[in-house]
Amino acid sequence: MKVLISDKKKFLIKDTSKDFHSKDGMLKKEEFDNEKAVTNKGVEFFVLDPIFIDLYEKIKRGAQIISLKDIGAILTETGVGKDSRVLDAGVGSGALSIYLAHFCKEVIAYELREDFAKIARGNIEKVGVDNIHVEVRDIYEGIDEENLDLITLDLREPWNAVKHCAKALKRGGFLVGYTPQITQALDLVNAAVENGFVLVKVKETAEREWQLKGKVAKPITPMLSHTGFLSFLRRV
């Protein structure tokens, strides 16, 4: 497996035993053994071994996945790391679970729908992380795990899981809700505060990509602002 990358494009090549064809031209399979490769149309690519992000970007989408800007906020605001045990509820396609597993010791993933869980398991295998356990179950009915460092909720009614989260999290552990509507965030925060949590913050994240080339510096895309509200709470 190899990655072809230029300043504009990137391709993940799963089968390097065959020639590669694209709009930029054709590459002979022998080119994958070089550090640079040039197509028959004269387009140059650097040849790299794939790393986590290259594989992650190719995961299959079933349910809408959480954006990287929001995943980054969860990782930095909670400070989870190599010794952390995490529960991710409402797994969908597994994007957040996979990223958490890249940083944390263990991820337990609860998903109510079998079809989504199947997609998530396929994506987990594709990326190659082995510290995620996906369970088809309803978090509203309870949590088996204890002394967790972080629980993330990507659910329609996350407040219904708060009592179970309070029992499953260690003291000082984080509860993070990802909700599209501010009213959902409000209901989650109110329920959490009533059940032994303190509110840290509720926020949105924003992102805008820029083009830098020569003396040109300009935005490539409009500002990507609202994707969801992130509610950060700690069990006290």
C-alpha atoms as a PDB file:
ATOM      1  CA  MET A   1       0.000   0.000   0.000  1.00  0.00           C
ATOM      2  CA  LYS A   2       1.298   3.464  -0.936  1.00  0.00           C
ATOM      3  CA  VAL A   3       0.241   7.115  -0.921  1.00  0.00           C
ATOM      4  CA  LEU A   4       0.725   9.393  -3.924  1.00  0.00           C
ATOM      5  CA  ILE A   5       0.778  13.050  -2.931  1.00  0.00           C
ATOM      6  CA  SER A   6       1.299  16.387  -4.688  1.00  0.00           C
ATOM      7  CA  ASP A   7       0.493  19.945  -3.619  1.00  0.00           C
ATOM      8  CA  LYS A   8      -3.074  19.488  -4.870  1.00  0.00           C
ATOM      9  CA  LYS A   9      -4.001  15.794  -4.806  1.00  0.00           C
ATOM     10  CA  LYS A  10      -3.587  12.599  -2.819  1.00  0.00           C
ATOM     11  CA  PHE A  11      -4.312   8.992  -3.760  1.00  0.00           C
ATOM     12  CA  LEU A  12      -4.229   5.905  -1.547  1.00  0.00           C
ATOM     13  CA  ILE A  13      -3.005   2.968  -3.619  1.00  0.00           C
ATOM     14  CA  LYS A  14      -4.163  -0.289  -2.060  1.00  0.00           C
ATOM     15  CA  ASP A  15      -2.776  -2.621  -4.728  1.00  0.00           C
ATOM     16  CA  THR A  16       0.739  -1.715  -5.847  1.00  0.00           C
ATOM     17  CA  SER A  17       1.014  -4.803  -8.034  1.00  0.00           C
ATOM     18  CA  LYS A  18      -0.934  -3.022 -10.779  1.00  0.00           C
ATOM     19  CA  ASP A  19      -0.405   0.126 -12.850  1.00  0.00           C
ATOM     20  CA  PHE A  20      -2.307   3.186 -11.560  1.00  0.00           C
ATOM     21  CA  HIS A  21      -4.628   5.195 -13.801  1.00  0.00           C
ATOM     22  CA  SER A  22      -6.142   8.629 -13.078  1.00  0.00           C
ATOM     23  CA  LYS A  23      -7.023  11.874 -14.857  1.00  0.00           C
ATOM     24  CA  ASP A  24      -3.406  12.879 -14.260  1.00  0.00           C
ATOM     25  CA  GLY A  25      -2.176   9.973 -16.342  1.00  0.00           C
ATOM     26  CA  MET A  26      -0.800   6.489 -15.810  1.00  0.00           C
ATOM     27  CA  LEU A  27       1.914   5.271 -13.466  1.00  0.00           C
ATOM     28  CA  LYS A  28       3.720   1.988 -14.007  1.00  0.00           C
ATOM     29  CA  LYS A  29       3.665  -0.270 -10.931  1.00  0.00           C
ATOM     30  CA  GLU A  30       7.454  -0.103 -10.800  1.00  0.00           C
ATOM     31  CA  GLU A  31       7.193   3.603  -9.939  1.00  0.00           C
ATOM     32  CA  PHE A  32       5.841   2.762  -6.468  1.00  0.00           C
ATOM     33  CA  ASP A  33       9.333   1.685  -5.415  1.00  0.00           C
ATOM     34  CA  ASN A  34      10.667   5.224  -5.974  1.00  0.00           C
ATOM     35  CA  GLU A  35      10.439   8.327  -3.764  1.00  0.00           C
ATOM     36  CA  LYS A  36       9.016  10.290  -6.712  1.00  0.00           C
ATOM     37  CA  ALA A  37       6.857   9.146  -9.619  1.00  0.00           C
ATOM     38  CA  VAL A  38       5.904  10.900 -12.867  1.00  0.00           C
ATOM     39  CA  THR A  39       2.840   9.940 -14.903  1.00  0.00           C
ATOM     40  CA  ASN A  40       2.854   9.651 -18.686  1.00  0.00           C
ATOM     41  CA  LYS A  41       1.241  13.121 -18.689  1.00  0.00           C
ATOM     42  CA  GLY A  42       4.186  14.595 -16.790  1.00  0.00           C
ATOM     43  CA  VAL A  43       2.410  14.997 -13.438  1.00  0.00           C
ATOM     44  CA  GLU A  44       4.787  14.424 -10.505  1.00  0.00           C
ATOM     45  CA  PHE A  45       3.850  12.733  -7.237  1.00  0.00           C
ATOM     46  CA  PHE A  46       5.786  11.905  -4.094  1.00  0.00           C
ATOM     47  CA  VAL A  47       5.457   8.257  -3.036  1.00  0.00           C
ATOM     48  CA  LEU A  48       4.948   7.636   0.695  1.00  0.00           C
ATOM     49  CA  ASP A  49       4.010   4.812   3.018  1.00  0.00           C
ATOM     50  CA  PRO A  50       0.502   5.438   4.417  1.00  0.00           C
ATOM     51  CA  ILE A  51       0.048   6.515   8.028  1.00  0.00           C
ATOM     52  CA  PHE A  52      -3.048   6.706  10.226  1.00  0.00           C
ATOM     53  CA  ILE A  53      -4.577   9.834   8.673  1.00  0.00           C
ATOM     54  CA  ASP A  54      -4.250   8.478   5.119  1.00  0.00           C
ATOM     55  CA  LEU A  55      -6.247   5.388   6.066  1.00  0.00           C
ATOM     56  CA  TYR A  56      -8.717   7.332   8.211  1.00  0.00           C
ATOM     57  CA  GLU A  57      -9.654   9.615   5.321  1.00  0.00           C
ATOM     58  CA  LYS A  58     -10.848   6.600   3.339  1.00  0.00           C
ATOM     59  CA  ILE A  59     -13.303   5.205   5.879  1.00  0.00           C
ATOM     60  CA  LYS A  60     -16.795   4.368   4.667  1.00  0.00           C
ATOM     61  CA  ARG A  61     -19.545   6.817   5.572  1.00  0.00           C
ATOM     62  CA  GLY A  62     -22.879   5.445   6.726  1.00  0.00           C
ATOM     63  CA  ALA A  63     -24.148   7.868   9.328  1.00  0.00           C
ATOM     64  CA  GLN A  64     -22.793  11.425   9.151  1.00  0.00           C
ATOM     65  CA  ILE A  65     -19.377  11.476  10.807  1.00  0.00           C
ATOM     66  CA  ILE A  66     -18.091  14.034  13.293  1.00  0.00           C
ATOM     67  CA  SER A  67     -15.683  16.518  11.706  1.00  0.00           C
ATOM     68  CA  LEU A  68     -11.948  16.563  12.405  1.00  0.00           C
ATOM     69  CA  LYS A  69     -12.201  20.049  13.871  1.00  0.00           C
ATOM     70  CA  ASP A  70     -14.653  18.766  16.480  1.00  0.00           C
ATOM     71  CA  ILE A  71     -12.635  15.611  17.136  1.00  0.00           C
ATOM     72  CA  GLY A  72      -9.615  17.833  17.731  1.00  0.00           C
ATOM     73  CA  ALA A  73     -11.559  19.875  20.269  1.00  0.00           C
ATOM     74  CA  ILE A  74     -12.611  16.731  22.156  1.00  0.00           C
ATOM     75  CA  LEU A  75      -9.042  15.437  22.316  1.00  0.00           C
ATOM     76  CA  THR A  76      -7.543  18.727  23.465  1.00  0.00           C
ATOM     77  CA  GLU A  77     -10.255  19.805  25.904  1.00  0.00           C
ATOM     78  CA  THR A  78     -10.329  16.441  27.702  1.00  0.00           C
ATOM     79  CA  GLY A  79      -6.615  15.647  27.496  1.00  0.00           C
ATOM     80  CA  VAL A  80      -7.141  11.913  26.984  1.00  0.00           C
ATOM     81  CA  GLY A  81      -4.031   9.880  26.199  1.00  0.00           C
ATOM     82  CA  LYS A  82      -2.259   6.547  26.236  1.00  0.00           C
ATOM     83  CA  ASP A  83      -3.656   5.461  29.623  1.00  0.00           C
ATOM     84  CA  SER A  84      -7.262   6.576  29.047  1.00  0.00           C
ATOM     85  CA  ARG A  85     -10.297   4.296  28.840  1.00  0.00           C
ATOM     86  CA  VAL A  86     -13.150   5.771  26.809  1.00  0.00           C
ATOM     87  CA  LEU A  87     -16.755   4.957  25.988  1.00  0.00           C
ATOM     88  CA  ASP A  88     -18.164   6.339  22.721  1.00  0.00           C
ATOM     89  CA  ALA A  89     -21.955   6.057  22.424  1.00  0.00           C
ATOM     90  CA  GLY A  90     -23.748   6.596  19.127  1.00  0.00           C
ATOM     91  CA  VAL A  91     -20.848   5.258  17.099  1.00  0.00           C
ATOM     92  CA  GLY A  92     -22.339   5.566  13.613  1.00  0.00           C
ATOM     93  CA  SER A  93     -19.563   4.965  11.086  1.00  0.00           C
ATOM     94  CA  GLY A  94     -16.927   4.818  13.842  1.00  0.00           C
ATOM     95  CA  ALA A  95     -14.989   7.987  12.987  1.00  0.00           C
ATOM     96  CA  LEU A  96     -14.725   9.362  16.533  1.00  0.00           C
ATOM     97  CA  SER A  97     -14.097   5.917  18.043  1.00  0.00           C
ATOM     98  CA  ILE A  98     -11.238   5.311  15.618  1.00  0.00           C
ATOM     99  CA  TYR A  99      -9.587   8.643  16.385  1.00  0.00           C
ATOM    100  CA  LEU A 100      -9.986   8.155  20.125  1.00  0.00           C
ATOM    101  CA  ALA A 101      -8.425   4.700  19.817  1.00  0.00           C
ATOM    102  CA  HIS A 102      -5.431   6.225  18.023  1.00  0.00           C
ATOM    103  CA  PHE A 103      -4.681   8.229  21.193  1.00  0.00           C
ATOM    104  CA  CYS A 104      -6.193   6.190  24.029  1.00  0.00           C
ATOM    105  CA  LYS A 105      -5.570   2.832  25.673  1.00  0.00           C
ATOM    106  CA  GLU A 106      -9.054   1.387  25.130  1.00  0.00           C
ATOM    107  CA  VAL A 107     -12.325   2.426  23.461  1.00  0.00           C
ATOM    108  CA  ILE A 108     -15.668   0.754  24.113  1.00  0.00           C
ATOM    109  CA  ALA A 109     -18.185   1.681  21.426  1.00  0.00           C
ATOM    110  CA  TYR A 110     -21.958   1.405  21.903  1.00  0.00           C
ATOM    111  CA  GLU A 111     -24.134   1.493  18.787  1.00  0.00           C
ATOM    112  CA  LEU A 112     -27.874   0.794  18.747  1.00  0.00           C
ATOM    113  CA  ARG A 113     -28.119  -0.085  15.037  1.00  0.00           C
ATOM    114  CA  GLU A 114     -26.562  -3.294  13.726  1.00  0.00           C
ATOM    115  CA  ASP A 115     -26.086  -1.829  10.214  1.00  0.00           C
ATOM    116  CA  PHE A 116     -24.053   1.095  11.572  1.00  0.00           C
ATOM    117  CA  ALA A 117     -22.064  -1.222  13.841  1.00  0.00           C
ATOM    118  CA  LYS A 118     -21.179  -3.347  10.817  1.00  0.00           C
ATOM    119  CA  ILE A 119     -19.871  -0.290   8.953  1.00  0.00           C
ATOM    120  CA  ALA A 120     -17.913   0.816  12.030  1.00  0.00           C
ATOM    121  CA  ARG A 121     -16.287  -2.610  12.419  1.00  0.00           C
ATOM    122  CA  GLY A 122     -15.299  -2.560   8.743  1.00  0.00           C
ATOM    123  CA  ASN A 123     -13.741   0.888   9.112  1.00  0.00           C
ATOM    124  CA  ILE A 124     -11.884  -0.164  12.266  1.00  0.00           C
ATOM    125  CA  GLU A 125     -10.390  -3.108  10.398  1.00  0.00           C
ATOM    126  CA  LYS A 126      -9.526  -0.903   7.409  1.00  0.00           C
ATOM    127  CA  VAL A 127      -7.614   1.612   9.545  1.00  0.00           C
ATOM    128  CA  GLY A 128      -5.964  -1.137  11.565  1.00  0.00           C
ATOM    129  CA  VAL A 129      -6.703  -0.099  15.158  1.00  0.00           C
ATOM    130  CA  ASP A 130      -7.145  -3.052  17.508  1.00  0.00           C
ATOM    131  CA  ASN A 131      -8.159  -1.437  20.799  1.00  0.00           C
ATOM    132  CA  ILE A 132     -11.856  -0.791  20.026  1.00  0.00           C
ATOM    133  CA  HIS A 133     -14.683  -3.093  21.081  1.00  0.00           C
ATOM    134  CA  VAL A 134     -18.008  -2.409  19.329  1.00  0.00           C
ATOM    135  CA  GLU A 135     -21.193  -3.513  21.072  1.00  0.00           C
ATOM    136  CA  VAL A 136     -24.715  -3.357  19.634  1.00  0.00           C
ATOM    137  CA  ARG A 137     -26.602  -2.007  22.618  1.00  0.00           C
ATOM    138  CA  ASP A 138     -28.633   0.907  23.974  1.00  0.00           C
ATOM    139  CA  ILE A 139     -26.733   3.157  26.388  1.00  0.00           C
ATOM    140  CA  TYR A 140     -30.070   4.394  27.764  1.00  0.00           C
ATOM    141  CA  GLU A 141     -30.416   0.948  29.360  1.00  0.00           C
ATOM    142  CA  GLY A 142     -27.113   1.142  31.221  1.00  0.00           C
ATOM    143  CA  ILE A 143     -23.305   0.979  31.068  1.00  0.00           C
ATOM    144  CA  ASP A 144     -21.322  -2.057  32.191  1.00  0.00           C
ATOM    145  CA  GLU A 145     -17.915  -0.363  32.351  1.00  0.00           C
ATOM    146  CA  GLU A 146     -16.570   1.529  35.388  1.00  0.00           C
ATOM    147  CA  ASN A 147     -13.808   4.075  36.118  1.00  0.00           C
ATOM    148  CA  LEU A 148     -13.862   5.532  32.615  1.00  0.00           C
ATOM    149  CA  ASP A 149     -11.877   8.660  31.794  1.00  0.00           C
ATOM    150  CA  LEU A 150     -14.218   9.946  29.082  1.00  0.00           C
ATOM    151  CA  ILE A 151     -17.695   9.257  27.714  1.00  0.00           C
ATOM    152  CA  THR A 152     -18.792  10.831  24.431  1.00  0.00           C
ATOM    153  CA  LEU A 153     -22.456  10.992  23.465  1.00  0.00           C
ATOM    154  CA  ASP A 154     -23.578  11.514  19.862  1.00  0.00           C
ATOM    155  CA  LEU A 155     -27.251  10.805  20.537  1.00  0.00           C
ATOM    156  CA  ARG A 156     -30.631  12.356  19.874  1.00  0.00           C
ATOM    157  CA  GLU A 157     -31.482  12.500  23.600  1.00  0.00           C
ATOM    158  CA  PRO A 158     -28.139  12.379  25.447  1.00  0.00           C
ATOM    159  CA  TRP A 159     -29.676  13.560  28.724  1.00  0.00           C
ATOM    160  CA  ASN A 160     -31.321  10.141  29.065  1.00  0.00           C
ATOM    161  CA  ALA A 161     -27.860   8.580  29.489  1.00  0.00           C
ATOM    162  CA  VAL A 162     -26.564  10.991  32.143  1.00  0.00           C
ATOM    163  CA  LYS A 163     -27.367   8.879  35.221  1.00  0.00           C
ATOM    164  CA  HIS A 164     -25.567   5.889  33.758  1.00  0.00           C
ATOM    165  CA  CYS A 165     -22.596   8.084  32.786  1.00  0.00           C
ATOM    166  CA  ALA A 166     -22.311   9.420  36.326  1.00  0.00           C
ATOM    167  CA  LYS A 167     -21.859   5.853  37.626  1.00  0.00           C
ATOM    168  CA  ALA A 168     -19.453   4.777  34.876  1.00  0.00           C
ATOM    169  CA  LEU A 169     -17.046   7.739  34.953  1.00  0.00           C
ATOM    170  CA  LYS A 170     -14.256   8.097  37.479  1.00  0.00           C
ATOM    171  CA  ARG A 171     -14.260  11.258  39.605  1.00  0.00           C
ATOM    172  CA  GLY A 172     -12.837  14.031  37.411  1.00  0.00           C
ATOM    173  CA  GLY A 173     -13.707  12.167  34.229  1.00  0.00           C
ATOM    174  CA  PHE A 174     -15.244  13.982  31.264  1.00  0.00           C
ATOM    175  CA  LEU A 175     -18.670  13.718  29.696  1.00  0.00           C
ATOM    176  CA  VAL A 176     -18.862  15.248  26.209  1.00  0.00           C
ATOM    177  CA  GLY A 177     -22.075  15.700  24.265  1.00  0.00           C
ATOM    178  CA  TYR A 178     -22.128  16.368  20.522  1.00  0.00           C
ATOM    179  CA  THR A 179     -25.508  17.813  19.497  1.00  0.00           C
ATOM    180  CA  PRO A 180     -26.752  19.651  16.385  1.00  0.00           C
ATOM    181  CA  GLN A 181     -29.244  21.820  18.314  1.00  0.00           C
ATOM    182  CA  ILE A 182     -28.482  24.170  21.229  1.00  0.00           C
ATOM    183  CA  THR A 183     -31.710  23.081  22.945  1.00  0.00           C
ATOM    184  CA  GLN A 184     -30.304  19.533  23.066  1.00  0.00           C
ATOM    185  CA  ALA A 185     -27.122  20.883  24.622  1.00  0.00           C
ATOM    186  CA  LEU A 186     -29.177  22.802  27.186  1.00  0.00           C
ATOM    187  CA  ASP A 187     -31.153  19.719  28.219  1.00  0.00           C
ATOM    188  CA  LEU A 188     -27.949  17.683  28.477  1.00  0.00           C
ATOM    189  CA  VAL A 189     -26.184  20.271  30.623  1.00  0.00           C
ATOM    190  CA  ASN A 190     -29.168  20.707  32.962  1.00  0.00           C
ATOM    191  CA  ALA A 191     -29.509  16.952  33.444  1.00  0.00           C
ATOM    192  CA  ALA A 192     -25.777  16.527  34.018  1.00  0.00           C
ATOM    193  CA  VAL A 193     -25.527  19.310  36.596  1.00  0.00           C
ATOM    194  CA  GLU A 194     -28.382  17.662  38.519  1.00  0.00           C
ATOM    195  CA  ASN A 195     -26.470  14.372  38.535  1.00  0.00           C
ATOM    196  CA  GLY A 196     -23.054  15.291  39.886  1.00  0.00           C
ATOM    197  CA  PHE A 197     -21.369  17.060  36.983  1.00  0.00           C
ATOM    198  CA  VAL A 198     -19.937  20.552  36.662  1.00  0.00           C
ATOM    199  CA  LEU A 199     -20.113  22.401  33.342  1.00  0.00           C
ATOM    200  CA  VAL A 200     -16.734  23.233  31.831  1.00  0.00           C
ATOM    201  CA  LYS A 201     -17.871  24.850  28.598  1.00  0.00           C
ATOM    202  CA  VAL A 202     -20.183  24.621  25.606  1.00  0.00           C
ATOM    203  CA  LYS A 203     -18.695  25.655  22.281  1.00  0.00           C
ATOM    204  CA  GLU A 204     -18.663  25.437  18.515  1.00  0.00           C
ATOM    205  CA  THR A 205     -15.522  25.163  16.409  1.00  0.00           C
ATOM    206  CA  ALA A 206     -14.735  26.931  13.129  1.00  0.00           C
ATOM    207  CA  GLU A 207     -12.368  26.188  10.267  1.00  0.00           C
ATOM    208  CA  ARG A 208     -11.326  27.872   7.021  1.00  0.00           C
ATOM    209  CA  GLU A 209      -8.728  26.517   4.610  1.00  0.00           C
ATOM    210  CA  TRP A 210      -6.302  28.890   2.872  1.00  0.00           C
ATOM    211  CA  GLN A 211      -4.278  28.739  -0.326  1.00  0.00           C
ATOM    212  CA  LEU A 212      -0.652  29.829  -0.022  1.00  0.00           C
ATOM    213  CA  LYS A 213       1.464  29.866  -3.182  1.00  0.00           C
ATOM    214  CA  GLY A 214       4.126  32.374  -4.136  1.00  0.00           C
ATOM    215  CA  LYS A 215       2.709  35.754  -3.123  1.00  0.00           C
ATOM    216  CA  VAL A 216      -0.884  34.513  -3.163  1.00  0.00           C
ATOM    217  CA  ALA A 217      -2.648  34.035   0.165  1.00  0.00           C
ATOM    218  CA  LYS A 218      -6.417  33.661   0.057  1.00  0.00           C
ATOM    219  CA  PRO A 219      -9.201  31.528   1.547  1.00  0.00           C
ATOM    220  CA  ILE A 220     -10.035  28.442  -0.497  1.00  0.00           C
ATOM    221  CA  THR A 221     -13.402  27.817   1.122  1.00  0.00           C
ATOM    222  CA  PRO A 222     -15.952  29.790   3.151  1.00  0.00           C
ATOM    223  CA  MET A 223     -15.734  29.452   6.918  1.00  0.00           C
ATOM    224  CA  LEU A 224     -16.930  26.050   8.113  1.00  0.00           C
ATOM    225  CA  SER A 225     -18.553  27.035  11.367  1.00  0.00           C
ATOM    226  CA  HIS A 226     -21.494  25.122  12.854  1.00  0.00           C
ATOM    227  CA  THR A 227     -21.342  21.356  12.647  1.00  0.00           C
ATOM    228  CA  GLY A 228     -22.491  20.714  16.186  1.00  0.00           C
ATOM    229  CA  PHE A 229     -22.411  21.977  19.755  1.00  0.00           C
ATOM    230  CA  LEU A 230     -19.815  20.409  22.038  1.00  0.00           C
ATOM    231  CA  SER A 231     -20.756  20.296  25.722  1.00  0.00           C
ATOM    232  CA  PHE A 232     -17.895  19.502  28.120  1.00  0.00           C
ATOM    233  CA  LEU A 233     -18.754  18.397  31.654  1.00  0.00           C
ATOM    234  CA  ARG A 234     -16.757  16.763  34.478  1.00  0.00           C
ATOM    235  CA  ARG A 235     -17.955  14.363  37.118  1.00  0.00           C
ATOM    236  CA  VAL A 236     -17.328  15.796  40.567  1.00  0.00           C
END
